[in-house]
Amino acid sequence: MSEAEIFPQSADSFSSRHVISHEGRSLYVEETNDGSYQLLQLMSTNPQDFLDEKYTPGKILPY
């Protein structure tokens, strides 16, 4: 995570970012204008999760 994510300039700039559970995995996502979620970061301790293309940063999740 970048310094700007840890110490945001304002709370409003991060109001659209959330940690959600999707298919049993914790994901850090950003809500887009159409209500879907864009994956920013997979938070997992299982190395196999990072090899799954469904969890590539930038993917739009059907949620």
PDB file of N, CA and C in Angstrom:
ATOM      1  N   MET A   1       0.841  -1.178   0.000  1.00  0.00           N
ATOM      2  CA  MET A   1       0.000   0.000   0.000  1.00  0.00           C
ATOM      3  C   MET A   1       0.886   1.241   0.000  1.00  0.00           C
ATOM      4  N   SER A   2       0.417   2.244  -0.690  1.00  0.00           N
ATOM      5  CA  SER A   2       1.193   3.473  -0.780  1.00  0.00           C
ATOM      6  C   SER A   2       0.959   4.355   0.442  1.00  0.00           C
ATOM      7  N   GLU A   3       1.815   5.334   0.605  1.00  0.00           N
ATOM      8  CA  GLU A   3       1.688   6.275   1.717  1.00  0.00           C
ATOM      9  C   GLU A   3       0.364   7.033   1.648  1.00  0.00           C
ATOM     10  N   ALA A   4      -0.084   7.361   0.438  1.00  0.00           N
ATOM     11  CA  ALA A   4      -1.341   8.093   0.268  1.00  0.00           C
ATOM     12  C   ALA A   4      -2.546   7.261   0.709  1.00  0.00           C
ATOM     13  N   GLU A   5      -2.459   5.934   0.580  1.00  0.00           N
ATOM     14  CA  GLU A   5      -3.552   5.079   1.033  1.00  0.00           C
ATOM     15  C   GLU A   5      -3.576   4.948   2.554  1.00  0.00           C
ATOM     16  N   ILE A   6      -2.409   4.966   3.162  1.00  0.00           N
ATOM     17  CA  ILE A   6      -2.332   4.856   4.614  1.00  0.00           C
ATOM     18  C   ILE A   6      -2.680   6.183   5.281  1.00  0.00           C
ATOM     19  N   PHE A   7      -2.192   7.285   4.722  1.00  0.00           N
ATOM     20  CA  PHE A   7      -2.449   8.615   5.256  1.00  0.00           C
ATOM     21  C   PHE A   7      -3.132   9.453   4.176  1.00  0.00           C
ATOM     22  N   PRO A   8      -4.445   9.260   3.986  1.00  0.00           N
ATOM     23  CA  PRO A   8      -5.129   9.972   2.900  1.00  0.00           C
ATOM     24  C   PRO A   8      -5.190  11.474   3.145  1.00  0.00           C
ATOM     25  N   GLN A   9      -5.244  12.208   2.021  1.00  0.00           N
ATOM     26  CA  GLN A   9      -5.345  13.665   2.110  1.00  0.00           C
ATOM     27  C   GLN A   9      -6.690  14.067   2.694  1.00  0.00           C
ATOM     28  N   SER A  10      -7.752  13.383   2.286  1.00  0.00           N
ATOM     29  CA  SER A  10      -9.080  13.631   2.843  1.00  0.00           C
ATOM     30  C   SER A  10      -9.854  12.326   2.874  1.00  0.00           C
ATOM     31  N   ALA A  11     -10.803  12.243   3.779  1.00  0.00           N
ATOM     32  CA  ALA A  11     -11.596  11.024   3.905  1.00  0.00           C
ATOM     33  C   ALA A  11     -12.484  10.807   2.689  1.00  0.00           C
ATOM     34  N   ASP A  12     -12.886  11.869   2.022  1.00  0.00           N
ATOM     35  CA  ASP A  12     -13.771  11.747   0.858  1.00  0.00           C
ATOM     36  C   ASP A  12     -13.118  11.011  -0.299  1.00  0.00           C
ATOM     37  N   SER A  13     -11.818  11.150  -0.446  1.00  0.00           N
ATOM     38  CA  SER A  13     -11.139  10.516  -1.574  1.00  0.00           C
ATOM     39  C   SER A  13     -11.109   8.994  -1.454  1.00  0.00           C
ATOM     40  N   PHE A  14     -11.385   8.443  -0.275  1.00  0.00           N
ATOM     41  CA  PHE A  14     -11.353   7.001  -0.072  1.00  0.00           C
ATOM     42  C   PHE A  14     -12.698   6.437   0.355  1.00  0.00           C
ATOM     43  N   SER A  15     -13.759   7.223   0.235  1.00  0.00           N
ATOM     44  CA  SER A  15     -15.073   6.744   0.656  1.00  0.00           C
ATOM     45  C   SER A  15     -15.615   5.643  -0.259  1.00  0.00           C
ATOM     46  N   SER A  16     -15.087   5.527  -1.471  1.00  0.00           N
ATOM     47  CA  SER A  16     -15.554   4.495  -2.390  1.00  0.00           C
ATOM     48  C   SER A  16     -14.723   3.214  -2.307  1.00  0.00           C
ATOM     49  N   ARG A  17     -13.768   3.152  -1.411  1.00  0.00           N
ATOM     50  CA  ARG A  17     -12.918   1.960  -1.266  1.00  0.00           C
ATOM     51  C   ARG A  17     -13.367   1.158  -0.054  1.00  0.00           C
ATOM     52  N   HIS A  18     -13.417  -0.174  -0.245  1.00  0.00           N
ATOM     53  CA  HIS A  18     -13.925  -1.055   0.801  1.00  0.00           C
ATOM     54  C   HIS A  18     -13.142  -2.361   0.814  1.00  0.00           C
ATOM     55  N   VAL A  19     -13.206  -3.053   1.938  1.00  0.00           N
ATOM     56  CA  VAL A  19     -12.729  -4.432   2.028  1.00  0.00           C
ATOM     57  C   VAL A  19     -13.976  -5.290   2.031  1.00  0.00           C
ATOM     58  N   ILE A  20     -14.049  -6.217   1.078  1.00  0.00           N
ATOM     59  CA  ILE A  20     -15.211  -7.090   0.969  1.00  0.00           C
ATOM     60  C   ILE A  20     -14.756  -8.541   0.978  1.00  0.00           C
ATOM     61  N   SER A  21     -15.695  -9.426   1.236  1.00  0.00           N
ATOM     62  CA  SER A  21     -15.451 -10.856   1.127  1.00  0.00           C
ATOM     63  C   SER A  21     -16.141 -11.328  -0.144  1.00  0.00           C
ATOM     64  N   HIS A  22     -15.377 -11.978  -1.022  1.00  0.00           N
ATOM     65  CA  HIS A  22     -15.901 -12.466  -2.302  1.00  0.00           C
ATOM     66  C   HIS A  22     -15.372 -13.865  -2.516  1.00  0.00           C
ATOM     67  N   GLU A  23     -16.290 -14.830  -2.616  1.00  0.00           N
ATOM     68  CA  GLU A  23     -15.922 -16.242  -2.791  1.00  0.00           C
ATOM     69  C   GLU A  23     -14.939 -16.708  -1.717  1.00  0.00           C
ATOM     70  N   GLY A  24     -15.127 -16.242  -0.494  1.00  0.00           N
ATOM     71  CA  GLY A  24     -14.306 -16.681   0.628  1.00  0.00           C
ATOM     72  C   GLY A  24     -12.954 -16.002   0.747  1.00  0.00           C
ATOM     73  N   ARG A  25     -12.713 -14.970  -0.052  1.00  0.00           N
ATOM     74  CA  ARG A  25     -11.434 -14.242  -0.001  1.00  0.00           C
ATOM     75  C   ARG A  25     -11.679 -12.781   0.320  1.00  0.00           C
ATOM     76  N   SER A  26     -10.753 -12.170   1.030  1.00  0.00           N
ATOM     77  CA  SER A  26     -10.856 -10.747   1.341  1.00  0.00           C
ATOM     78  C   SER A  26     -10.222  -9.941   0.222  1.00  0.00           C
ATOM     79  N   LEU A  27     -10.973  -8.955  -0.265  1.00  0.00           N
ATOM     80  CA  LEU A  27     -10.510  -8.134  -1.369  1.00  0.00           C
ATOM     81  C   LEU A  27     -10.646  -6.666  -1.013  1.00  0.00           C
ATOM     82  N   TYR A  28      -9.656  -5.887  -1.400  1.00  0.00           N
ATOM     83  CA  TYR A  28      -9.697  -4.435  -1.270  1.00  0.00           C
ATOM     84  C   TYR A  28     -10.144  -3.920  -2.630  1.00  0.00           C
ATOM     85  N   VAL A  29     -11.309  -3.258  -2.664  1.00  0.00           N
ATOM     86  CA  VAL A  29     -11.921  -2.867  -3.929  1.00  0.00           C
ATOM     87  C   VAL A  29     -12.300  -1.390  -3.914  1.00  0.00           C
ATOM     88  N   GLU A  30     -12.567  -0.885  -5.113  1.00  0.00           N
ATOM     89  CA  GLU A  30     -13.083   0.464  -5.270  1.00  0.00           C
ATOM     90  C   GLU A  30     -14.397   0.370  -6.022  1.00  0.00           C
ATOM     91  N   GLU A  31     -15.432   0.997  -5.469  1.00  0.00           N
ATOM     92  CA  GLU A  31     -16.744   0.991  -6.110  1.00  0.00           C
ATOM     93  C   GLU A  31     -16.731   1.971  -7.271  1.00  0.00           C
ATOM     94  N   THR A  32     -17.189   1.499  -8.437  1.00  0.00           N
ATOM     95  CA  THR A  32     -17.215   2.342  -9.622  1.00  0.00           C
ATOM     96  C   THR A  32     -18.552   3.066  -9.715  1.00  0.00           C
ATOM     97  N   ASN A  33     -18.672   3.957 -10.680  1.00  0.00           N
ATOM     98  CA  ASN A  33     -19.891   4.757 -10.831  1.00  0.00           C
ATOM     99  C   ASN A  33     -21.126   3.914 -11.123  1.00  0.00           C
ATOM    100  N   ASP A  34     -20.952   2.773 -11.794  1.00  0.00           N
ATOM    101  CA  ASP A  34     -22.107   1.932 -12.126  1.00  0.00           C
ATOM    102  C   ASP A  34     -22.456   0.924 -11.033  1.00  0.00           C
ATOM    103  N   GLY A  35     -21.771   0.978  -9.883  1.00  0.00           N
ATOM    104  CA  GLY A  35     -22.093   0.118  -8.751  1.00  0.00           C
ATOM    105  C   GLY A  35     -21.309  -1.174  -8.684  1.00  0.00           C
ATOM    106  N   SER A  36     -20.495  -1.466  -9.677  1.00  0.00           N
ATOM    107  CA  SER A  36     -19.658  -2.662  -9.623  1.00  0.00           C
ATOM    108  C   SER A  36     -18.383  -2.342  -8.844  1.00  0.00           C
ATOM    109  N   TYR A  37     -17.570  -3.358  -8.627  1.00  0.00           N
ATOM    110  CA  TYR A  37     -16.338  -3.189  -7.865  1.00  0.00           C
ATOM    111  C   TYR A  37     -15.128  -3.508  -8.733  1.00  0.00           C
ATOM    112  N   GLN A  38     -14.104  -2.677  -8.629  1.00  0.00           N
ATOM    113  CA  GLN A  38     -12.838  -2.936  -9.306  1.00  0.00           C
ATOM    114  C   GLN A  38     -11.838  -3.388  -8.253  1.00  0.00           C
ATOM    115  N   LEU A  39     -11.194  -4.516  -8.518  1.00  0.00           N
ATOM    116  CA  LEU A  39     -10.247  -5.102  -7.573  1.00  0.00           C
ATOM    117  C   LEU A  39      -8.965  -4.273  -7.520  1.00  0.00           C
ATOM    118  N   LEU A  40      -8.598  -3.859  -6.317  1.00  0.00           N
ATOM    119  CA  LEU A  40      -7.346  -3.136  -6.117  1.00  0.00           C
ATOM    120  C   LEU A  40      -6.269  -4.049  -5.542  1.00  0.00           C
ATOM    121  N   GLN A  41      -6.693  -4.937  -4.602  1.00  0.00           N
ATOM    122  CA  GLN A  41      -5.699  -5.789  -3.938  1.00  0.00           C
ATOM    123  C   GLN A  41      -6.375  -7.028  -3.372  1.00  0.00           C
ATOM    124  N   LEU A  42      -5.746  -8.174  -3.571  1.00  0.00           N
ATOM    125  CA  LEU A  42      -6.162  -9.425  -2.951  1.00  0.00           C
ATOM    126  C   LEU A  42      -5.428  -9.542  -1.627  1.00  0.00           C
ATOM    127  N   MET A  43      -6.166  -9.816  -0.567  1.00  0.00           N
ATOM    128  CA  MET A  43      -5.548  -9.973   0.754  1.00  0.00           C
ATOM    129  C   MET A  43      -5.719 -11.424   1.177  1.00  0.00           C
ATOM    130  N   SER A  44      -4.683 -12.214   0.973  1.00  0.00           N
ATOM    131  CA  SER A  44      -4.751 -13.636   1.236  1.00  0.00           C
ATOM    132  C   SER A  44      -3.396 -14.143   1.714  1.00  0.00           C
ATOM    133  N   THR A  45      -3.444 -15.217   2.478  1.00  0.00           N
ATOM    134  CA  THR A  45      -2.209 -15.876   2.898  1.00  0.00           C
ATOM    135  C   THR A  45      -1.959 -17.134   2.085  1.00  0.00           C
ATOM    136  N   ASN A  46      -2.873 -17.447   1.159  1.00  0.00           N
ATOM    137  CA  ASN A  46      -2.746 -18.634   0.320  1.00  0.00           C
ATOM    138  C   ASN A  46      -2.080 -18.250  -1.000  1.00  0.00           C
ATOM    139  N   PRO A  47      -0.882 -18.735  -1.269  1.00  0.00           N
ATOM    140  CA  PRO A  47      -0.193 -18.394  -2.521  1.00  0.00           C
ATOM    141  C   PRO A  47      -0.961 -18.804  -3.769  1.00  0.00           C
ATOM    142  N   GLN A  48      -1.769 -19.854  -3.698  1.00  0.00           N
ATOM    143  CA  GLN A  48      -2.547 -20.305  -4.850  1.00  0.00           C
ATOM    144  C   GLN A  48      -3.561 -19.253  -5.293  1.00  0.00           C
ATOM    145  N   ASP A  49      -4.077 -18.445  -4.356  1.00  0.00           N
ATOM    146  CA  ASP A  49      -5.042 -17.403  -4.699  1.00  0.00           C
ATOM    147  C   ASP A  49      -4.442 -16.393  -5.669  1.00  0.00           C
ATOM    148  N   PHE A  50      -3.172 -16.118  -5.542  1.00  0.00           N
ATOM    149  CA  PHE A  50      -2.521 -15.114  -6.382  1.00  0.00           C
ATOM    150  C   PHE A  50      -2.271 -15.630  -7.807  1.00  0.00           C
ATOM    151  N   LEU A  51      -2.363 -16.934  -8.014  1.00  0.00           N
ATOM    152  CA  LEU A  51      -2.204 -17.512  -9.345  1.00  0.00           C
ATOM    153  C   LEU A  51      -3.520 -17.560 -10.111  1.00  0.00           C
ATOM    154  N   ASP A  52      -4.628 -17.303  -9.433  1.00  0.00           N
ATOM    155  CA  ASP A  52      -5.947 -17.329 -10.057  1.00  0.00           C
ATOM    156  C   ASP A  52      -6.201 -16.003 -10.769  1.00  0.00           C
ATOM    157  N   GLU A  53      -6.465 -16.054 -12.063  1.00  0.00           N
ATOM    158  CA  GLU A  53      -6.647 -14.840 -12.866  1.00  0.00           C
ATOM    159  C   GLU A  53      -7.873 -14.028 -12.455  1.00  0.00           C
ATOM    160  N   LYS A  54      -8.810 -14.655 -11.726  1.00  0.00           N
ATOM    161  CA  LYS A  54      -9.995 -13.926 -11.261  1.00  0.00           C
ATOM    162  C   LYS A  54      -9.623 -12.818 -10.290  1.00  0.00           C
ATOM    163  N   TYR A  55      -8.476 -12.930  -9.663  1.00  0.00           N
ATOM    164  CA  TYR A  55      -8.077 -11.982  -8.625  1.00  0.00           C
ATOM    165  C   TYR A  55      -6.935 -11.076  -9.064  1.00  0.00           C
ATOM    166  N   THR A  56      -6.829 -10.826 -10.350  1.00  0.00           N
ATOM    167  CA  THR A  56      -5.828  -9.910 -10.886  1.00  0.00           C
ATOM    168  C   THR A  56      -6.276  -8.474 -10.619  1.00  0.00           C
ATOM    169  N   PRO A  57      -5.416  -7.622 -10.048  1.00  0.00           N
ATOM    170  CA  PRO A  57      -5.800  -6.230  -9.818  1.00  0.00           C
ATOM    171  C   PRO A  57      -6.275  -5.561 -11.112  1.00  0.00           C
ATOM    172  N   GLY A  58      -7.357  -4.802 -10.985  1.00  0.00           N
ATOM    173  CA  GLY A  58      -7.937  -4.120 -12.128  1.00  0.00           C
ATOM    174  C   GLY A  58      -9.188  -4.815 -12.648  1.00  0.00           C
ATOM    175  N   LYS A  59      -9.390  -6.072 -12.261  1.00  0.00           N
ATOM    176  CA  LYS A  59     -10.571  -6.813 -12.726  1.00  0.00           C
ATOM    177  C   LYS A  59     -11.837  -6.187 -12.130  1.00  0.00           C
ATOM    178  N   ILE A  60     -12.909  -6.221 -12.921  1.00  0.00           N
ATOM    179  CA  ILE A  60     -14.218  -5.783 -12.448  1.00  0.00           C
ATOM    180  C   ILE A  60     -14.949  -7.008 -11.919  1.00  0.00           C
ATOM    181  N   LEU A  61     -15.443  -6.906 -10.685  1.00  0.00           N
ATOM    182  CA  LEU A  61     -16.102  -8.046 -10.051  1.00  0.00           C
ATOM    183  C   LEU A  61     -17.614  -7.952 -10.191  1.00  0.00           C
ATOM    184  N   PRO A  62     -18.251  -9.055 -10.517  1.00  0.00           N
ATOM    185  CA  PRO A  62     -19.713  -9.081 -10.516  1.00  0.00           C
ATOM    186  C   PRO A  62     -20.204  -9.241  -9.085  1.00  0.00           C
ATOM    187  N   TYR A  63     -20.596  -8.188  -8.445  1.00  0.00           N
ATOM    188  CA  TYR A  63     -20.981  -8.258  -7.031  1.00  0.00           C
ATOM    189  C   TYR A  63     -22.345  -7.706  -6.816  1.00  0.00           C
TER     190      TYR A  63
END
